Amino acid sequence: MPSVEVAESELRYSLSEIVRATPSLMQVLSVARRLCLPDWLVFSGAVYQPVLNHLTGRPLDYGIKDYDLAHFAYYLQWTRFESIVERKLRRRQLTEDGNVEISGRDLR
């Protein structure tokens, strides 16, 4: 019987492969990194939906309509944070195909 460490390592590798094979999720992660926002994250649906789709043989981004990007912006008011994110997205045209909707959330 394989050790727990080996099984966990294989699961992490599989998860990484699924995430990297999901173009829309990779686009969101690239956008988040390029925005240079501290303490950001995407919500869990961005990860579990592609995994579920993989397990059921569907296209990895099947059923995903949007991605939620959160940021712990303690130093910004929500309206200012939202305008910064939207301005950066427009200026850089990071979602040029229009198929991925990214919404920012402040989790103060």
Protein backbone atom coordinates (compact mmCIF):
# COMPACT_ATOMS: atom_id res chain seq x y z
CA MET A 1 0.00 0.00 0.00
CA PRO A 2 1.46 3.40 -0.96
CA SER A 3 2.32 5.82 1.79
CA VAL A 4 0.15 8.82 2.50
CA GLU A 5 2.98 11.12 1.38
CA VAL A 6 3.15 9.44 -2.04
CA ALA A 7 -0.61 9.57 -2.52
CA GLU A 8 -0.70 13.23 -1.47
CA SER A 9 2.16 14.04 -3.83
CA GLU A 10 0.34 12.38 -6.73
CA LEU A 11 -2.86 14.27 -5.91
CA ARG A 12 -1.01 17.58 -5.82
CA TYR A 13 0.59 16.80 -9.17
CA SER A 14 -2.80 15.87 -10.69
CA LEU A 15 -4.39 19.04 -9.32
CA SER A 16 -1.57 21.15 -10.73
CA GLU A 17 -1.97 19.51 -14.16
CA ILE A 18 -5.74 20.11 -14.18
CA VAL A 19 -5.33 23.76 -13.18
CA ARG A 20 -2.61 24.35 -15.78
CA ALA A 21 -4.76 22.71 -18.47
CA THR A 22 -7.70 25.08 -17.82
CA PRO A 23 -7.01 28.10 -20.08
CA SER A 24 -9.58 30.42 -18.54
CA LEU A 25 -8.35 29.73 -15.00
CA MET A 26 -4.74 30.27 -16.06
CA GLN A 27 -5.80 33.57 -17.63
CA VAL A 28 -7.40 34.64 -14.34
CA LEU A 29 -4.30 33.65 -12.38
CA SER A 30 -2.12 35.60 -14.82
CA VAL A 31 -4.37 38.64 -14.49
CA ALA A 32 -4.23 38.44 -10.72
CA ARG A 33 -0.45 38.25 -10.72
CA ARG A 34 -0.09 41.15 -13.17
CA LEU A 35 -2.37 43.36 -11.08
CA CYS A 36 0.25 43.15 -8.30
CA LEU A 37 -2.37 43.11 -5.55
CA PRO A 38 -1.15 41.81 -2.21
CA ASP A 39 -3.02 38.96 -0.50
CA TRP A 40 -5.21 37.95 -3.44
CA LEU A 41 -6.95 34.64 -4.05
CA VAL A 42 -9.48 33.05 -6.36
CA PHE A 43 -12.45 31.36 -4.78
CA SER A 44 -12.65 27.58 -4.58
CA GLY A 45 -15.11 27.10 -7.45
CA ALA A 46 -12.32 28.15 -9.79
CA VAL A 47 -10.47 24.99 -8.80
CA TYR A 48 -13.08 22.40 -7.87
CA GLN A 49 -15.20 22.87 -11.01
CA PRO A 50 -12.34 21.98 -13.41
CA VAL A 51 -11.47 18.99 -11.20
CA LEU A 52 -15.09 17.80 -11.24
CA ASN A 53 -15.22 18.35 -15.00
CA HIS A 54 -12.01 16.35 -15.43
CA LEU A 55 -13.41 13.47 -13.38
CA THR A 56 -16.66 13.43 -15.39
CA GLY A 57 -15.05 13.81 -18.81
CA ARG A 58 -16.33 17.30 -19.56
CA PRO A 59 -14.29 20.19 -20.93
CA LEU A 60 -12.35 21.64 -18.00
CA ASP A 61 -14.07 25.03 -18.10
CA TYR A 62 -17.57 23.60 -18.63
CA GLY A 63 -20.19 25.41 -16.56
CA ILE A 64 -17.87 28.18 -15.38
CA LYS A 65 -19.43 31.57 -16.00
CA ASP A 66 -17.11 33.75 -13.94
CA TYR A 67 -14.21 33.78 -11.51
CA ASP A 68 -14.18 35.63 -8.23
CA LEU A 69 -10.94 37.32 -7.28
CA ALA A 70 -10.66 38.40 -3.65
CA HIS A 71 -8.21 40.81 -2.14
CA PHE A 72 -7.65 41.77 1.47
CA ALA A 73 -7.35 45.51 0.84
CA TYR A 74 -7.47 46.83 4.38
CA TYR A 75 -5.96 50.12 3.27
CA LEU A 76 -8.43 50.83 0.45
CA GLN A 77 -12.10 51.66 0.44
CA TRP A 78 -14.09 49.17 -1.63
CA THR A 79 -15.06 51.60 -4.40
CA ARG A 80 -11.45 52.68 -4.85
CA PHE A 81 -10.24 49.05 -4.96
CA GLU A 82 -12.91 48.13 -7.51
CA SER A 83 -12.02 51.05 -9.76
CA ILE A 84 -8.30 50.23 -9.57
CA VAL A 85 -8.90 46.63 -10.63
CA GLU A 86 -11.31 47.57 -13.41
CA ARG A 87 -8.97 50.29 -14.71
CA LYS A 88 -6.01 47.92 -14.78
CA LEU A 89 -8.05 45.23 -16.54
CA ARG A 90 -9.26 47.69 -19.19
CA ARG A 91 -5.86 49.30 -19.68
CA ARG A 92 -4.05 46.02 -20.12
CA GLN A 93 -6.93 44.34 -21.95
CA LEU A 94 -6.21 41.21 -19.97
CA THR A 95 -9.54 39.60 -20.78
CA GLU A 96 -9.52 40.34 -24.49
CA ASP A 97 -11.73 37.44 -25.56
CA GLY A 98 -14.57 38.57 -23.28
CA ASN A 99 -15.33 34.99 -22.23
CA VAL A 100 -14.04 35.33 -18.69
CA GLU A 101 -15.65 37.63 -16.19
CA ILE A 102 -13.51 38.61 -13.22
CA SER A 103 -15.06 40.34 -10.25
CA GLY A 104 -13.11 41.75 -7.35
CA ARG A 105 -14.12 41.35 -3.72
CA ASP A 106 -12.81 43.03 -0.65
CA LEU A 107 -12.85 40.66 2.33
CA ARG A 108 -12.35 43.11 5.14
